Amino acid sequence: MAQEGRHSIMQAEYRESQGRLQSEVNYLGRELDQAWAALRQERIGREQDQAALERARAEVERVRLQAERSELRRRLMKETNDRLGKALDEFYRLAKDSISRDFEDDEEQQSH
């Protein structure tokens, strides 16, 4: 009977030990779940930060290209205006010379 008592005590201690181990496993499982959730949130945050950074880089590049196009457009307009001005100056000079020659030719013909 002493052995049966001892056996019963050992079974009770074993069940108690199993209960403590199960509680510990459950606690560690919850801790692991919380840590995993925190890591997921951190990863999501990093991905969102990375996406925001990429959007900002794209916007900076868009603005830079727009400024570059505007500068090129401004230079082209200036160059076009300069060339047009020179062409008009040349046209007026040639027209003036032509009118002067015509006038001189008319005077020469009238004097003969």
N, C-alpha and C. Protein backbone atom coordinates (compact mmCIF):
# COMPACT_ATOMS: atom_id res chain seq x y z
N MET A 1 0.81 -1.17 0.00
CA MET A 1 0.00 0.00 0.00
C MET A 1 0.87 1.25 0.00
N ALA A 2 2.01 1.16 0.65
CA ALA A 2 2.92 2.28 0.65
C ALA A 2 3.37 2.59 -0.75
N GLN A 3 3.54 1.50 -1.53
CA GLN A 3 3.96 1.71 -2.92
C GLN A 3 2.85 2.36 -3.71
N GLU A 4 1.63 1.95 -3.47
CA GLU A 4 0.50 2.57 -4.15
C GLU A 4 0.38 4.03 -3.80
N GLY A 5 0.62 4.37 -2.54
CA GLY A 5 0.57 5.77 -2.09
C GLY A 5 1.67 6.59 -2.77
N ARG A 6 2.84 5.95 -2.79
CA ARG A 6 3.96 6.64 -3.44
C ARG A 6 3.67 6.82 -4.93
N HIS A 7 3.10 5.80 -5.54
CA HIS A 7 2.76 5.87 -6.96
C HIS A 7 1.74 6.97 -7.21
N SER A 8 0.75 7.08 -6.35
CA SER A 8 -0.26 8.12 -6.47
C SER A 8 0.37 9.50 -6.33
N ILE A 9 1.27 9.65 -5.37
CA ILE A 9 1.96 10.93 -5.17
C ILE A 9 2.77 11.28 -6.41
N MET A 10 3.47 10.29 -6.96
CA MET A 10 4.30 10.53 -8.15
C MET A 10 3.43 10.92 -9.34
N GLN A 11 2.27 10.28 -9.47
CA GLN A 11 1.37 10.63 -10.56
C GLN A 11 0.85 12.05 -10.37
N ALA A 12 0.53 12.41 -9.15
CA ALA A 12 0.05 13.77 -8.87
C ALA A 12 1.14 14.78 -9.17
N GLU A 13 2.38 14.49 -8.76
CA GLU A 13 3.49 15.40 -9.05
C GLU A 13 3.73 15.49 -10.56
N TYR A 14 3.59 14.36 -11.24
CA TYR A 14 3.79 14.35 -12.68
C TYR A 14 2.73 15.21 -13.37
N ARG A 15 1.46 15.05 -12.95
CA ARG A 15 0.38 15.85 -13.53
C ARG A 15 0.60 17.33 -13.23
N GLU A 16 1.02 17.63 -12.02
CA GLU A 16 1.29 19.02 -11.65
C GLU A 16 2.44 19.57 -12.49
N SER A 17 3.48 18.79 -12.66
CA SER A 17 4.63 19.19 -13.47
C SER A 17 4.20 19.40 -14.92
N GLN A 18 3.37 18.50 -15.44
CA GLN A 18 2.87 18.63 -16.80
C GLN A 18 2.02 19.90 -16.94
N GLY A 19 1.22 20.19 -15.94
CA GLY A 19 0.40 21.40 -15.94
C GLY A 19 1.27 22.65 -15.99
N ARG A 20 2.34 22.67 -15.15
CA ARG A 20 3.25 23.83 -15.15
C ARG A 20 3.95 23.96 -16.50
N LEU A 21 4.38 22.81 -17.05
CA LEU A 21 5.05 22.84 -18.35
C LEU A 21 4.09 23.34 -19.44
N GLN A 22 2.84 22.89 -19.38
CA GLN A 22 1.86 23.33 -20.38
C GLN A 22 1.60 24.82 -20.24
N SER A 23 1.51 25.30 -18.99
CA SER A 23 1.32 26.73 -18.77
C SER A 23 2.51 27.51 -19.33
N GLU A 24 3.72 27.01 -19.10
CA GLU A 24 4.93 27.66 -19.60
C GLU A 24 4.94 27.66 -21.13
N VAL A 25 4.57 26.54 -21.73
CA VAL A 25 4.51 26.44 -23.19
C VAL A 25 3.48 27.43 -23.73
N ASN A 26 2.33 27.51 -23.09
CA ASN A 26 1.29 28.46 -23.53
C ASN A 26 1.79 29.90 -23.42
N TYR A 27 2.45 30.21 -22.30
CA TYR A 27 2.99 31.56 -22.09
C TYR A 27 4.02 31.88 -23.17
N LEU A 28 4.95 30.94 -23.40
CA LEU A 28 5.98 31.17 -24.42
C LEU A 28 5.35 31.28 -25.82
N GLY A 29 4.31 30.53 -26.08
CA GLY A 29 3.59 30.63 -27.36
C GLY A 29 2.99 32.01 -27.56
N ARG A 30 2.37 32.54 -26.48
CA ARG A 30 1.79 33.89 -26.56
C ARG A 30 2.89 34.93 -26.78
N GLU A 31 4.01 34.77 -26.07
CA GLU A 31 5.14 35.70 -26.23
C GLU A 31 5.67 35.65 -27.67
N LEU A 32 5.78 34.43 -28.19
CA LEU A 32 6.25 34.27 -29.56
C LEU A 32 5.28 34.92 -30.55
N ASP A 33 4.00 34.71 -30.34
CA ASP A 33 2.99 35.32 -31.21
C ASP A 33 3.08 36.85 -31.18
N GLN A 34 3.26 37.40 -29.97
CA GLN A 34 3.37 38.85 -29.84
C GLN A 34 4.64 39.37 -30.52
N ALA A 35 5.73 38.66 -30.34
CA ALA A 35 6.99 39.08 -30.98
C ALA A 35 6.85 38.99 -32.49
N TRP A 36 6.22 37.94 -32.97
CA TRP A 36 6.03 37.78 -34.42
C TRP A 36 5.15 38.90 -34.97
N ALA A 37 4.10 39.23 -34.25
CA ALA A 37 3.21 40.32 -34.68
C ALA A 37 3.97 41.64 -34.70
N ALA A 38 4.82 41.87 -33.70
CA ALA A 38 5.61 43.11 -33.66
C ALA A 38 6.58 43.16 -34.85
N LEU A 39 7.19 42.03 -35.16
CA LEU A 39 8.09 41.98 -36.32
C LEU A 39 7.35 42.24 -37.62
N ARG A 40 6.16 41.67 -37.74
CA ARG A 40 5.35 41.92 -38.94
C ARG A 40 5.02 43.40 -39.06
N GLN A 41 4.61 44.01 -37.96
CA GLN A 41 4.29 45.44 -37.97
C GLN A 41 5.52 46.27 -38.33
N GLU A 42 6.65 45.89 -37.78
CA GLU A 42 7.90 46.60 -38.09
C GLU A 42 8.24 46.47 -39.56
N ARG A 43 8.09 45.27 -40.10
CA ARG A 43 8.36 45.03 -41.53
C ARG A 43 7.39 45.85 -42.39
N ILE A 44 6.13 45.84 -42.00
CA ILE A 44 5.13 46.63 -42.74
C ILE A 44 5.51 48.11 -42.69
N GLY A 45 5.92 48.57 -41.51
CA GLY A 45 6.34 49.96 -41.37
C GLY A 45 7.54 50.29 -42.25
N ARG A 46 8.51 49.37 -42.27
CA ARG A 46 9.70 49.59 -43.13
C ARG A 46 9.30 49.61 -44.60
N GLU A 47 8.40 48.70 -44.98
CA GLU A 47 7.95 48.66 -46.38
C GLU A 47 7.21 49.95 -46.73
N GLN A 48 6.40 50.45 -45.80
CA GLN A 48 5.69 51.70 -46.04
C GLN A 48 6.68 52.86 -46.14
N ASP A 49 7.67 52.86 -45.24
CA ASP A 49 8.70 53.90 -45.30
C ASP A 49 9.46 53.84 -46.61
N GLN A 50 9.80 52.62 -47.04
CA GLN A 50 10.52 52.44 -48.30
C GLN A 50 9.68 52.92 -49.47
N ALA A 51 8.40 52.59 -49.45
CA ALA A 51 7.51 53.03 -50.53
C ALA A 51 7.40 54.55 -50.54
N ALA A 52 7.30 55.16 -49.36
CA ALA A 52 7.24 56.62 -49.29
C ALA A 52 8.53 57.24 -49.80
N LEU A 53 9.64 56.63 -49.46
CA LEU A 53 10.94 57.11 -49.94
C LEU A 53 11.03 57.01 -51.46
N GLU A 54 10.57 55.91 -52.01
CA GLU A 54 10.58 55.74 -53.47
C GLU A 54 9.67 56.76 -54.14
N ARG A 55 8.51 57.03 -53.54
CA ARG A 55 7.61 58.05 -54.11
C ARG A 55 8.27 59.42 -54.06
N ALA A 56 8.95 59.73 -52.95
CA ALA A 56 9.64 61.01 -52.83
C ALA A 56 10.76 61.12 -53.86
N ARG A 57 11.52 60.04 -54.04
CA ARG A 57 12.59 60.05 -55.06
C ARG A 57 12.01 60.27 -56.45
N ALA A 58 10.91 59.60 -56.74
CA ALA A 58 10.27 59.75 -58.05
C ALA A 58 9.79 61.19 -58.25
N GLU A 59 9.25 61.78 -57.20
CA GLU A 59 8.76 63.17 -57.29
C GLU A 59 9.93 64.13 -57.50
N VAL A 60 11.03 63.90 -56.79
CA VAL A 60 12.23 64.74 -56.97
C VAL A 60 12.72 64.62 -58.41
N GLU A 61 12.77 63.41 -58.92
CA GLU A 61 13.22 63.20 -60.31
C GLU A 61 12.27 63.86 -61.30
N ARG A 62 10.98 63.76 -61.04
CA ARG A 62 9.98 64.39 -61.92
C ARG A 62 10.17 65.90 -61.94
N VAL A 63 10.35 66.49 -60.77
CA VAL A 63 10.55 67.94 -60.68
C VAL A 63 11.86 68.34 -61.34
N ARG A 64 12.91 67.54 -61.15
CA ARG A 64 14.20 67.84 -61.78
C ARG A 64 14.08 67.81 -63.30
N LEU A 65 13.42 66.78 -63.82
CA LEU A 65 13.24 66.68 -65.27
C LEU A 65 12.37 67.82 -65.80
N GLN A 66 11.36 68.19 -65.04
CA GLN A 66 10.51 69.30 -65.45
C GLN A 66 11.31 70.60 -65.49
N ALA A 67 12.16 70.82 -64.49
CA ALA A 67 13.01 72.01 -64.47
C ALA A 67 14.00 71.99 -65.64
N GLU A 68 14.54 70.82 -65.90
CA GLU A 68 15.48 70.67 -67.02
C GLU A 68 14.78 70.97 -68.35
N ARG A 69 13.57 70.44 -68.52
CA ARG A 69 12.81 70.72 -69.74
C ARG A 69 12.49 72.21 -69.86
N SER A 70 12.11 72.82 -68.74
CA SER A 70 11.81 74.25 -68.75
C SER A 70 13.04 75.05 -69.15
N GLU A 71 14.20 74.69 -68.61
CA GLU A 71 15.44 75.38 -68.95
C GLU A 71 15.78 75.19 -70.43
N LEU A 72 15.63 73.97 -70.91
CA LEU A 72 15.89 73.72 -72.33
C LEU A 72 14.91 74.50 -73.21
N ARG A 73 13.66 74.54 -72.82
CA ARG A 73 12.65 75.30 -73.56
C ARG A 73 13.01 76.78 -73.57
N ARG A 74 13.44 77.29 -72.40
CA ARG A 74 13.84 78.70 -72.30
C ARG A 74 15.02 78.99 -73.22
N ARG A 75 16.02 78.11 -73.20
CA ARG A 75 17.20 78.30 -74.06
C ARG A 75 16.82 78.24 -75.54
N LEU A 76 15.96 77.29 -75.88
CA LEU A 76 15.53 77.15 -77.26
C LEU A 76 14.78 78.41 -77.72
N MET A 77 13.89 78.91 -76.86
CA MET A 77 13.16 80.14 -77.20
C MET A 77 14.11 81.31 -77.37
N LYS A 78 15.10 81.43 -76.51
CA LYS A 78 16.07 82.52 -76.62
C LYS A 78 16.86 82.39 -77.91
N GLU A 79 17.34 81.18 -78.17
CA GLU A 79 18.11 80.95 -79.40
C GLU A 79 17.25 81.23 -80.63
N THR A 80 16.00 80.77 -80.61
CA THR A 80 15.08 81.02 -81.72
C THR A 80 14.84 82.51 -81.90
N ASN A 81 14.62 83.21 -80.80
CA ASN A 81 14.41 84.66 -80.87
C ASN A 81 15.65 85.38 -81.39
N ASP A 82 16.83 84.94 -80.93
CA ASP A 82 18.08 85.54 -81.42
C ASP A 82 18.23 85.33 -82.92
N ARG A 83 18.00 84.11 -83.36
CA ARG A 83 18.11 83.81 -84.80
C ARG A 83 17.07 84.57 -85.61
N LEU A 84 15.87 84.62 -85.07
CA LEU A 84 14.81 85.36 -85.76
C LEU A 84 15.16 86.83 -85.85
N GLY A 85 15.69 87.37 -84.76
CA GLY A 85 16.10 88.77 -84.77
C GLY A 85 17.19 89.04 -85.80
N LYS A 86 18.18 88.16 -85.86
CA LYS A 86 19.26 88.31 -86.85
C LYS A 86 18.71 88.19 -88.26
N ALA A 87 17.80 87.21 -88.47
CA ALA A 87 17.21 87.04 -89.79
C ALA A 87 16.41 88.28 -90.19
N LEU A 88 15.65 88.84 -89.25
CA LEU A 88 14.89 90.07 -89.55
C LEU A 88 15.82 91.23 -89.84
N ASP A 89 16.89 91.36 -89.05
CA ASP A 89 17.87 92.42 -89.30
C ASP A 89 18.45 92.27 -90.70
N GLU A 90 18.80 91.04 -91.06
CA GLU A 90 19.35 90.79 -92.41
C GLU A 90 18.32 91.09 -93.48
N PHE A 91 17.06 90.67 -93.24
CA PHE A 91 16.00 90.96 -94.19
C PHE A 91 15.83 92.46 -94.38
N TYR A 92 15.78 93.22 -93.28
CA TYR A 92 15.62 94.68 -93.38
C TYR A 92 16.82 95.31 -94.08
N ARG A 93 18.02 94.80 -93.79
CA ARG A 93 19.21 95.35 -94.43
C ARG A 93 19.16 95.10 -95.94
N LEU A 94 18.79 93.85 -96.31
CA LEU A 94 18.70 93.53 -97.73
C LEU A 94 17.59 94.32 -98.41
N ALA A 95 16.45 94.45 -97.71
CA ALA A 95 15.35 95.22 -98.27
C ALA A 95 15.75 96.67 -98.45
N LYS A 96 16.44 97.24 -97.48
CA LYS A 96 16.91 98.64 -97.56
C LYS A 96 17.89 98.80 -98.72
N ASP A 97 18.83 97.86 -98.82
CA ASP A 97 19.79 97.90 -99.94
C ASP A 97 19.08 97.80 -101.27
N SER A 98 18.11 96.90 -101.35
CA SER A 98 17.36 96.72 -102.60
C SER A 98 16.59 97.98 -102.95
N ILE A 99 15.94 98.57 -101.96
CA ILE A 99 15.18 99.80 -102.20
C ILE A 99 16.13 100.92 -102.61
N SER A 100 17.27 101.01 -101.94
CA SER A 100 18.26 102.04 -102.29
C SER A 100 18.74 101.84 -103.71
N ARG A 101 19.05 100.60 -104.11
CA ARG A 101 19.49 100.34 -105.49
C ARG A 101 18.40 100.67 -106.48
N ASP A 102 17.16 100.28 -106.14
CA ASP A 102 16.04 100.60 -107.04
C ASP A 102 15.91 102.11 -107.19
N PHE A 103 16.03 102.82 -106.10
CA PHE A 103 15.91 104.28 -106.12
C PHE A 103 17.04 104.88 -106.96
N GLU A 104 18.26 104.33 -106.72
CA GLU A 104 19.42 104.82 -107.50
C GLU A 104 19.24 104.50 -108.98
N ASP A 105 18.73 103.30 -109.30
CA ASP A 105 18.50 102.93 -110.70
C ASP A 105 17.46 103.84 -111.32
N ASP A 106 16.41 104.16 -110.57
CA ASP A 106 15.36 105.05 -111.08
C ASP A 106 15.94 106.44 -111.34
N GLU A 107 16.76 106.94 -110.43
CA GLU A 107 17.36 108.28 -110.61
C GLU A 107 18.29 108.27 -111.81
N GLU A 108 19.04 107.19 -111.99
CA GLU A 108 19.98 107.08 -113.10
C GLU A 108 19.22 107.04 -114.43
N GLN A 109 18.10 106.31 -114.46
CA GLN A 109 17.31 106.23 -115.69
C GLN A 109 16.66 107.58 -115.99
N GLN A 110 16.26 108.30 -114.98
CA GLN A 110 15.62 109.60 -115.20
C GLN A 110 16.65 110.63 -115.67
N SER A 111 17.87 110.50 -115.25
CA SER A 111 18.88 111.45 -115.67
C SER A 111 19.33 111.21 -117.11
N HIS A 112 19.10 110.07 -117.67
CA HIS A 112 19.49 109.78 -119.06
C HIS A 112 18.43 110.17 -119.99
